[in-house]
Amino acid sequence: MHPDDIKNKETREFHANLLETAINELPKLHEGEIFTLPDLFLGYEWKRIPLQSRTVLGRYFLDFACKEDGQAILGILGGPGRQRYVRK
């Protein structure tokens, strides 16, 4: 196995874990509550995530919100850029 393959696998697992953390926070939100992705993390946790990983996580979370499972619990507000979501 090539060393880059190991790094890419670890990176994918890291992003998958971050996405899982964010999704697990959704039940704690009230119906109709508007939020952004950073709201799902404690301030110091969010700041510790590298900027590039935050960007990737944002894409993953938006993809989740657009899929059937995500659409059942989330609405998307606004346009491209800093997305806002609403808990259904």
Protein backbone atom coordinates (compact mmCIF):
# COMPACT_ATOMS: atom_id res chain seq x y z
CA MET A 1 0.00 0.00 0.00
CA HIS A 2 1.28 3.44 -0.93
CA PRO A 3 1.81 5.91 1.97
CA ASP A 4 -0.55 8.42 0.30
CA ASP A 5 -3.29 5.77 0.31
CA ILE A 6 -2.96 5.45 4.08
CA LYS A 7 -3.09 9.22 4.54
CA ASN A 8 -6.15 9.54 2.26
CA LYS A 9 -7.93 6.78 4.17
CA GLU A 10 -7.20 8.48 7.49
CA THR A 11 -8.42 11.79 6.08
CA ARG A 12 -11.67 10.23 4.83
CA GLU A 13 -12.22 8.61 8.24
CA PHE A 14 -11.51 11.95 9.95
CA HIS A 15 -14.10 13.73 7.79
CA ALA A 16 -16.60 10.90 8.22
CA ASN A 17 -16.20 11.15 12.01
CA LEU A 18 -16.75 14.91 11.91
CA LEU A 19 -19.87 14.45 9.80
CA GLU A 20 -21.18 11.83 12.21
CA THR A 21 -20.57 14.20 15.13
CA ALA A 22 -22.56 16.95 13.41
CA ILE A 23 -25.44 14.62 12.49
CA ASN A 24 -25.60 13.31 16.06
CA GLU A 25 -26.16 16.87 17.32
CA LEU A 26 -29.26 17.41 15.15
CA PRO A 27 -31.76 15.77 17.56
CA LYS A 28 -30.74 18.33 20.20
CA LEU A 29 -32.10 21.18 18.05
CA HIS A 30 -35.67 22.41 18.36
CA GLU A 31 -38.10 22.22 15.45
CA GLY A 32 -37.78 25.37 13.33
CA GLU A 33 -34.39 26.29 14.81
CA ILE A 34 -32.02 27.90 12.30
CA PHE A 35 -28.33 27.03 12.55
CA THR A 36 -25.03 26.83 10.72
CA LEU A 37 -22.64 23.91 10.70
CA PRO A 38 -20.26 25.47 13.28
CA ASP A 39 -23.21 25.70 15.69
CA LEU A 40 -23.13 21.89 15.94
CA PHE A 41 -19.67 21.95 17.54
CA LEU A 42 -18.34 23.55 20.70
CA GLY A 43 -16.40 26.70 19.82
CA TYR A 44 -13.00 25.27 20.70
CA GLU A 45 -13.76 22.02 18.83
CA TRP A 46 -14.66 23.92 15.66
CA LYS A 47 -11.51 26.07 15.89
CA ARG A 48 -9.35 22.95 16.16
CA ILE A 49 -10.62 21.57 12.86
CA PRO A 50 -8.21 22.61 10.08
CA LEU A 51 -9.73 25.11 7.64
CA GLN A 52 -9.46 22.73 4.69
CA SER A 53 -11.28 20.05 6.67
CA ARG A 54 -14.04 22.52 7.62
CA THR A 55 -14.57 23.18 3.92
CA VAL A 56 -14.77 19.47 3.12
CA LEU A 57 -17.10 18.91 6.08
CA GLY A 58 -19.35 21.70 4.80
CA ARG A 59 -19.68 19.94 1.45
CA TYR A 60 -20.36 16.59 3.13
CA PHE A 61 -23.01 18.12 5.40
CA LEU A 62 -24.70 19.87 2.48
CA ASP A 63 -24.71 16.58 0.56
CA PHE A 64 -26.29 14.91 3.60
CA ALA A 65 -28.93 17.65 3.83
CA CYS A 66 -29.81 17.19 0.15
CA LYS A 67 -30.23 13.42 0.44
CA GLU A 68 -33.47 11.76 1.49
CA ASP A 69 -32.37 11.11 5.10
CA GLY A 70 -31.23 14.70 5.54
CA GLN A 71 -34.29 16.21 3.87
CA ALA A 72 -36.49 14.55 6.47
CA ILE A 73 -34.89 16.61 9.23
CA LEU A 74 -33.32 19.65 7.53
CA GLY A 75 -34.19 22.51 5.24
CA ILE A 76 -31.55 24.61 3.49
CA LEU A 77 -31.73 28.39 3.63
CA GLY A 78 -29.81 30.88 1.52
CA GLY A 79 -27.56 30.40 -1.45
CA PRO A 80 -24.03 29.21 -1.95
CA GLY A 81 -21.42 30.11 0.58
CA ARG A 82 -22.12 29.97 4.28
CA GLN A 83 -25.15 27.73 4.38
CA ARG A 84 -27.86 28.05 6.99
CA TYR A 85 -30.13 25.17 7.82
CA VAL A 86 -33.44 24.81 9.61
CA ARG A 87 -34.45 21.81 11.72
CA LYS A 88 -37.79 20.39 10.52
